[in-house]
Amino acid sequence: MSLKLQPRERQVLDLLSTGSAMKQIADKLGVGISACSNYILRARERNGLKTGWQLLARYVREQSLAEYMKGRS
């Protein structure tokens, strides 16, 4: 089952997965840190996950699998 993400949530997770800090992400996207936290919170709740770390881990796993499958076709 694939994560259900809005485009902005995906942007935040992309940047988090590369090691960016919340302040850096907020600056890059032109929003506040609280907005970034809210994107993560909403994505986490929508996908039935308990923590932001679970969301990030699942996101990274899905991205890795997608890259692997792309390389096999």
PDB file of N, CA and C in Angstrom:
ATOM      1  N   MET A   1       0.845  -1.180   0.000  1.00  0.00           N
ATOM      2  CA  MET A   1       0.000   0.000   0.000  1.00  0.00           C
ATOM      3  C   MET A   1       0.885   1.236   0.000  1.00  0.00           C
ATOM      4  N   SER A   2       0.651   2.090  -0.935  1.00  0.00           N
ATOM      5  CA  SER A   2       1.451   3.293  -1.127  1.00  0.00           C
ATOM      6  C   SER A   2       0.971   4.428  -0.221  1.00  0.00           C
ATOM      7  N   LEU A   3       1.905   5.258   0.203  1.00  0.00           N
ATOM      8  CA  LEU A   3       1.555   6.410   1.028  1.00  0.00           C
ATOM      9  C   LEU A   3       0.668   7.375   0.246  1.00  0.00           C
ATOM     10  N   LYS A   4      -0.303   7.946   0.925  1.00  0.00           N
ATOM     11  CA  LYS A   4      -1.157   8.973   0.334  1.00  0.00           C
ATOM     12  C   LYS A   4      -0.580  10.318   0.763  1.00  0.00           C
ATOM     13  N   LEU A   5      -0.013  11.056  -0.187  1.00  0.00           N
ATOM     14  CA  LEU A   5       0.656  12.322   0.124  1.00  0.00           C
ATOM     15  C   LEU A   5       0.208  13.430  -0.810  1.00  0.00           C
ATOM     16  N   GLN A   6       0.071  14.614  -0.250  1.00  0.00           N
ATOM     17  CA  GLN A   6      -0.157  15.821  -1.034  1.00  0.00           C
ATOM     18  C   GLN A   6       1.201  16.282  -1.580  1.00  0.00           C
ATOM     19  N   PRO A   7       1.208  17.063  -2.656  1.00  0.00           N
ATOM     20  CA  PRO A   7       2.484  17.488  -3.243  1.00  0.00           C
ATOM     21  C   PRO A   7       3.429  18.181  -2.247  1.00  0.00           C
ATOM     22  N   ARG A   8       2.913  19.059  -1.403  1.00  0.00           N
ATOM     23  CA  ARG A   8       3.777  19.765  -0.452  1.00  0.00           C
ATOM     24  C   ARG A   8       4.325  18.807   0.603  1.00  0.00           C
ATOM     25  N   GLU A   9       3.527  17.843   1.016  1.00  0.00           N
ATOM     26  CA  GLU A   9       3.996  16.838   1.982  1.00  0.00           C
ATOM     27  C   GLU A   9       5.147  16.043   1.368  1.00  0.00           C
ATOM     28  N   ARG A  10       5.003  15.720   0.098  1.00  0.00           N
ATOM     29  CA  ARG A  10       6.057  14.978  -0.610  1.00  0.00           C
ATOM     30  C   ARG A  10       7.342  15.812  -0.686  1.00  0.00           C
ATOM     31  N   GLN A  11       7.198  17.117  -0.942  1.00  0.00           N
ATOM     32  CA  GLN A  11       8.375  17.990  -0.988  1.00  0.00           C
ATOM     33  C   GLN A  11       9.108  17.993   0.351  1.00  0.00           C
ATOM     34  N   VAL A  12       8.348  18.117   1.436  1.00  0.00           N
ATOM     35  CA  VAL A  12       8.958  18.129   2.764  1.00  0.00           C
ATOM     36  C   VAL A  12       9.670  16.802   3.023  1.00  0.00           C
ATOM     37  N   LEU A  13       9.030  15.699   2.702  1.00  0.00           N
ATOM     38  CA  LEU A  13       9.643  14.387   2.927  1.00  0.00           C
ATOM     39  C   LEU A  13      10.865  14.180   2.043  1.00  0.00           C
ATOM     40  N   ASP A  14      10.823  14.671   0.811  1.00  0.00           N
ATOM     41  CA  ASP A  14      12.002  14.580  -0.064  1.00  0.00           C
ATOM     42  C   ASP A  14      13.196  15.266   0.586  1.00  0.00           C
ATOM     43  N   LEU A  15      12.965  16.477   1.087  1.00  0.00           N
ATOM     44  CA  LEU A  15      14.054  17.232   1.701  1.00  0.00           C
ATOM     45  C   LEU A  15      14.508  16.605   3.016  1.00  0.00           C
ATOM     46  N   LEU A  16      13.571  16.116   3.809  1.00  0.00           N
ATOM     47  CA  LEU A  16      13.945  15.429   5.059  1.00  0.00           C
ATOM     48  C   LEU A  16      14.785  14.192   4.768  1.00  0.00           C
ATOM     49  N   SER A  17      14.410  13.471   3.722  1.00  0.00           N
ATOM     50  CA  SER A  17      15.110  12.218   3.417  1.00  0.00           C
ATOM     51  C   SER A  17      16.544  12.450   2.954  1.00  0.00           C
ATOM     52  N   THR A  18      16.853  13.681   2.539  1.00  0.00           N
ATOM     53  CA  THR A  18      18.230  13.980   2.139  1.00  0.00           C
ATOM     54  C   THR A  18      19.024  14.607   3.270  1.00  0.00           C
ATOM     55  N   GLY A  19      18.397  14.720   4.451  1.00  0.00           N
ATOM     56  CA  GLY A  19      19.113  15.205   5.618  1.00  0.00           C
ATOM     57  C   GLY A  19      18.928  16.677   5.938  1.00  0.00           C
ATOM     58  N   SER A  20      18.039  17.341   5.224  1.00  0.00           N
ATOM     59  CA  SER A  20      17.784  18.759   5.511  1.00  0.00           C
ATOM     60  C   SER A  20      17.079  18.916   6.853  1.00  0.00           C
ATOM     61  N   ALA A  21      17.413  19.984   7.563  1.00  0.00           N
ATOM     62  CA  ALA A  21      16.756  20.304   8.826  1.00  0.00           C
ATOM     63  C   ALA A  21      15.447  21.039   8.530  1.00  0.00           C
ATOM     64  N   MET A  22      14.539  21.029   9.497  1.00  0.00           N
ATOM     65  CA  MET A  22      13.244  21.674   9.315  1.00  0.00           C
ATOM     66  C   MET A  22      13.400  23.158   8.959  1.00  0.00           C
ATOM     67  N   LYS A  23      14.343  23.857   9.575  1.00  0.00           N
ATOM     68  CA  LYS A  23      14.574  25.268   9.279  1.00  0.00           C
ATOM     69  C   LYS A  23      14.994  25.440   7.822  1.00  0.00           C
ATOM     70  N   GLN A  24      15.870  24.582   7.341  1.00  0.00           N
ATOM     71  CA  GLN A  24      16.308  24.648   5.949  1.00  0.00           C
ATOM     72  C   GLN A  24      15.146  24.383   4.995  1.00  0.00           C
ATOM     73  N   ILE A  25      14.324  23.400   5.337  1.00  0.00           N
ATOM     74  CA  ILE A  25      13.176  23.054   4.505  1.00  0.00           C
ATOM     75  C   ILE A  25      12.195  24.227   4.454  1.00  0.00           C
ATOM     76  N   ALA A  26      11.909  24.785   5.625  1.00  0.00           N
ATOM     77  CA  ALA A  26      10.986  25.917   5.694  1.00  0.00           C
ATOM     78  C   ALA A  26      11.494  27.080   4.851  1.00  0.00           C
ATOM     79  N   ASP A  27      12.775  27.387   4.962  1.00  0.00           N
ATOM     80  CA  ASP A  27      13.357  28.479   4.180  1.00  0.00           C
ATOM     81  C   ASP A  27      13.271  28.197   2.682  1.00  0.00           C
ATOM     82  N   LYS A  28      13.602  26.981   2.299  1.00  0.00           N
ATOM     83  CA  LYS A  28      13.587  26.614   0.879  1.00  0.00           C
ATOM     84  C   LYS A  28      12.180  26.688   0.289  1.00  0.00           C
ATOM     85  N   LEU A  29      11.180  26.271   1.076  1.00  0.00           N
ATOM     86  CA  LEU A  29       9.807  26.262   0.581  1.00  0.00           C
ATOM     87  C   LEU A  29       9.077  27.581   0.819  1.00  0.00           C
ATOM     88  N   GLY A  30       9.701  28.485   1.553  1.00  0.00           N
ATOM     89  CA  GLY A  30       9.096  29.779   1.815  1.00  0.00           C
ATOM     90  C   GLY A  30       7.922  29.729   2.778  1.00  0.00           C
ATOM     91  N   VAL A  31       8.007  28.807   3.744  1.00  0.00           N
ATOM     92  CA  VAL A  31       6.962  28.669   4.764  1.00  0.00           C
ATOM     93  C   VAL A  31       7.628  28.651   6.135  1.00  0.00           C
ATOM     94  N   GLY A  32       6.810  28.640   7.178  1.00  0.00           N
ATOM     95  CA  GLY A  32       7.350  28.555   8.524  1.00  0.00           C
ATOM     96  C   GLY A  32       7.639  27.113   8.930  1.00  0.00           C
ATOM     97  N   ILE A  33       8.415  26.984   9.976  1.00  0.00           N
ATOM     98  CA  ILE A  33       8.724  25.647  10.501  1.00  0.00           C
ATOM     99  C   ILE A  33       7.440  24.944  10.945  1.00  0.00           C
ATOM    100  N   SER A  34       6.516  25.700  11.525  1.00  0.00           N
ATOM    101  CA  SER A  34       5.259  25.088  11.977  1.00  0.00           C
ATOM    102  C   SER A  34       4.457  24.541  10.801  1.00  0.00           C
ATOM    103  N   ALA A  35       4.522  25.199   9.653  1.00  0.00           N
ATOM    104  CA  ALA A  35       3.827  24.685   8.460  1.00  0.00           C
ATOM    105  C   ALA A  35       4.433  23.349   8.046  1.00  0.00           C
ATOM    106  N   CYS A  36       5.752  23.255   8.074  1.00  0.00           N
ATOM    107  CA  CYS A  36       6.414  21.987   7.733  1.00  0.00           C
ATOM    108  C   CYS A  36       5.995  20.884   8.698  1.00  0.00           C
ATOM    109  N   SER A  37       5.946  21.216   9.972  1.00  0.00           N
ATOM    110  CA  SER A  37       5.509  20.238  10.976  1.00  0.00           C
ATOM    111  C   SER A  37       4.077  19.799  10.716  1.00  0.00           C
ATOM    112  N   ASN A  38       3.237  20.750  10.318  1.00  0.00           N
ATOM    113  CA  ASN A  38       1.839  20.410  10.022  1.00  0.00           C
ATOM    114  C   ASN A  38       1.715  19.511   8.803  1.00  0.00           C
ATOM    115  N   TYR A  39       2.544  19.725   7.786  1.00  0.00           N
ATOM    116  CA  TYR A  39       2.525  18.843   6.619  1.00  0.00           C
ATOM    117  C   TYR A  39       2.831  17.409   7.036  1.00  0.00           C
ATOM    118  N   ILE A  40       3.822  17.263   7.898  1.00  0.00           N
ATOM    119  CA  ILE A  40       4.199  15.930   8.374  1.00  0.00           C
ATOM    120  C   ILE A  40       3.089  15.332   9.220  1.00  0.00           C
ATOM    121  N   LEU A  41       2.525  16.134  10.110  1.00  0.00           N
ATOM    122  CA  LEU A  41       1.441  15.662  10.972  1.00  0.00           C
ATOM    123  C   LEU A  41       0.256  15.168  10.153  1.00  0.00           C
ATOM    124  N   ARG A  42      -0.175  15.963   9.180  1.00  0.00           N
ATOM    125  CA  ARG A  42      -1.336  15.560   8.367  1.00  0.00           C
ATOM    126  C   ARG A  42      -1.047  14.306   7.556  1.00  0.00           C
ATOM    127  N   ALA A  43       0.141  14.224   6.981  1.00  0.00           N
ATOM    128  CA  ALA A  43       0.501  13.038   6.195  1.00  0.00           C
ATOM    129  C   ALA A  43       0.558  11.803   7.089  1.00  0.00           C
ATOM    130  N   ARG A  44       1.116  11.975   8.276  1.00  0.00           N
ATOM    131  CA  ARG A  44       1.213  10.867   9.229  1.00  0.00           C
ATOM    132  C   ARG A  44      -0.178  10.376   9.613  1.00  0.00           C
ATOM    133  N   GLU A  45      -1.050  11.300   9.974  1.00  0.00           N
ATOM    134  CA  GLU A  45      -2.401  10.922  10.386  1.00  0.00           C
ATOM    135  C   GLU A  45      -3.181  10.285   9.238  1.00  0.00           C
ATOM    136  N   ARG A  46      -3.076  10.846   8.049  1.00  0.00           N
ATOM    137  CA  ARG A  46      -3.796  10.313   6.893  1.00  0.00           C
ATOM    138  C   ARG A  46      -3.375   8.876   6.580  1.00  0.00           C
ATOM    139  N   ASN A  47      -2.135   8.559   6.870  1.00  0.00           N
ATOM    140  CA  ASN A  47      -1.612   7.230   6.555  1.00  0.00           C
ATOM    141  C   ASN A  47      -1.598   6.287   7.752  1.00  0.00           C
ATOM    142  N   GLY A  48      -2.186   6.724   8.863  1.00  0.00           N
ATOM    143  CA  GLY A  48      -2.318   5.856  10.033  1.00  0.00           C
ATOM    144  C   GLY A  48      -1.012   5.522  10.730  1.00  0.00           C
ATOM    145  N   LEU A  49      -0.066   6.437  10.698  1.00  0.00           N
ATOM    146  CA  LEU A  49       1.228   6.208  11.336  1.00  0.00           C
ATOM    147  C   LEU A  49       1.311   6.998  12.638  1.00  0.00           C
ATOM    148  N   LYS A  50       2.055   6.467  13.598  1.00  0.00           N
ATOM    149  CA  LYS A  50       2.114   7.089  14.923  1.00  0.00           C
ATOM    150  C   LYS A  50       3.143   8.190  15.045  1.00  0.00           C
ATOM    151  N   THR A  51       4.224   8.109  14.301  1.00  0.00           N
ATOM    152  CA  THR A  51       5.280   9.108  14.438  1.00  0.00           C
ATOM    153  C   THR A  51       5.747   9.608  13.069  1.00  0.00           C
ATOM    154  N   GLY A  52       6.357  10.765  13.097  1.00  0.00           N
ATOM    155  CA  GLY A  52       6.955  11.298  11.879  1.00  0.00           C
ATOM    156  C   GLY A  52       8.097  10.422  11.383  1.00  0.00           C
ATOM    157  N   TRP A  53       8.791   9.789  12.310  1.00  0.00           N
ATOM    158  CA  TRP A  53       9.889   8.881  11.931  1.00  0.00           C
ATOM    159  C   TRP A  53       9.358   7.686  11.155  1.00  0.00           C
ATOM    160  N   GLN A  54       8.203   7.166  11.552  1.00  0.00           N
ATOM    161  CA  GLN A  54       7.590   6.056  10.811  1.00  0.00           C
ATOM    162  C   GLN A  54       7.242   6.508   9.396  1.00  0.00           C
ATOM    163  N   LEU A  55       6.702   7.710   9.283  1.00  0.00           N
ATOM    164  CA  LEU A  55       6.343   8.258   7.976  1.00  0.00           C
ATOM    165  C   LEU A  55       7.585   8.396   7.104  1.00  0.00           C
ATOM    166  N   LEU A  56       8.629   8.971   7.653  1.00  0.00           N
ATOM    167  CA  LEU A  56       9.858   9.173   6.886  1.00  0.00           C
ATOM    168  C   LEU A  56      10.473   7.838   6.469  1.00  0.00           C
ATOM    169  N   ALA A  57      10.500   6.877   7.382  1.00  0.00           N
ATOM    170  CA  ALA A  57      11.070   5.559   7.063  1.00  0.00           C
ATOM    171  C   ALA A  57      10.283   4.891   5.937  1.00  0.00           C
ATOM    172  N   ARG A  58       8.970   4.971   6.014  1.00  0.00           N
ATOM    173  CA  ARG A  58       8.147   4.346   4.978  1.00  0.00           C
ATOM    174  C   ARG A  58       8.326   5.071   3.645  1.00  0.00           C
ATOM    175  N   TYR A  59       8.419   6.380   3.693  1.00  0.00           N
ATOM    176  CA  TYR A  59       8.629   7.160   2.481  1.00  0.00           C
ATOM    177  C   TYR A  59       9.959   6.768   1.812  1.00  0.00           C
ATOM    178  N   VAL A  60      11.019   6.710   2.590  1.00  0.00           N
ATOM    179  CA  VAL A  60      12.331   6.348   2.048  1.00  0.00           C
ATOM    180  C   VAL A  60      12.305   4.941   1.471  1.00  0.00           C
ATOM    181  N   ARG A  61      11.654   4.028   2.169  1.00  0.00           N
ATOM    182  CA  ARG A  61      11.537   2.649   1.684  1.00  0.00           C
ATOM    183  C   ARG A  61      10.810   2.601   0.344  1.00  0.00           C
ATOM    184  N   GLU A  62       9.699   3.331   0.238  1.00  0.00           N
ATOM    185  CA  GLU A  62       8.940   3.352  -1.009  1.00  0.00           C
ATOM    186  C   GLU A  62       9.744   3.968  -2.148  1.00  0.00           C
ATOM    187  N   GLN A  63      10.481   5.028  -1.851  1.00  0.00           N
ATOM    188  CA  GLN A  63      11.300   5.669  -2.875  1.00  0.00           C
ATOM    189  C   GLN A  63      12.413   4.729  -3.348  1.00  0.00           C
ATOM    190  N   SER A  64      13.010   4.014  -2.415  1.00  0.00           N
ATOM    191  CA  SER A  64      14.068   3.065  -2.766  1.00  0.00           C
ATOM    192  C   SER A  64      13.521   1.940  -3.631  1.00  0.00           C
ATOM    193  N   LEU A  65      12.364   1.440  -3.282  1.00  0.00           N
ATOM    194  CA  LEU A  65      11.736   0.370  -4.065  1.00  0.00           C
ATOM    195  C   LEU A  65      11.388   0.862  -5.464  1.00  0.00           C
ATOM    196  N   ALA A  66      10.877   2.082  -5.570  1.00  0.00           N
ATOM    197  CA  ALA A  66      10.516   2.646  -6.860  1.00  0.00           C
ATOM    198  C   ALA A  66      11.768   2.772  -7.748  1.00  0.00           C
ATOM    199  N   GLU A  67      12.871   3.228  -7.172  1.00  0.00           N
ATOM    200  CA  GLU A  67      14.123   3.347  -7.916  1.00  0.00           C
ATOM    201  C   GLU A  67      14.627   1.983  -8.355  1.00  0.00           C
ATOM    202  N   TYR A  68      14.529   1.014  -7.476  1.00  0.00           N
ATOM    203  CA  TYR A  68      14.968  -0.347  -7.801  1.00  0.00           C
ATOM    204  C   TYR A  68      14.154  -0.914  -8.951  1.00  0.00           C
ATOM    205  N   MET A  69      12.827  -0.731  -8.880  1.00  0.00           N
ATOM    206  CA  MET A  69      11.957  -1.276  -9.922  1.00  0.00           C
ATOM    207  C   MET A  69      12.195  -0.553 -11.254  1.00  0.00           C
ATOM    208  N   LYS A  70      12.475   0.731 -11.201  1.00  0.00           N
ATOM    209  CA  LYS A  70      12.737   1.485 -12.422  1.00  0.00           C
ATOM    210  C   LYS A  70      13.999   0.954 -13.098  1.00  0.00           C
ATOM    211  N   GLY A  71      14.980   0.597 -12.299  1.00  0.00           N
ATOM    212  CA  GLY A  71      16.227   0.070 -12.855  1.00  0.00           C
ATOM    213  C   GLY A  71      16.104  -1.323 -13.449  1.00  0.00           C
ATOM    214  N   ARG A  72      15.081  -2.043 -13.059  1.00  0.00           N
ATOM    215  CA  ARG A  72      14.887  -3.414 -13.544  1.00  0.00           C
ATOM    216  C   ARG A  72      14.052  -3.468 -14.819  1.00  0.00           C
ATOM    217  N   SER A  73      13.452  -2.369 -15.195  1.00  0.00           N
ATOM    218  CA  SER A  73      12.599  -2.417 -16.400  1.00  0.00           C
ATOM    219  C   SER A  73      13.328  -1.979 -17.644  1.00  0.00           C
TER     220      SER A  73
END
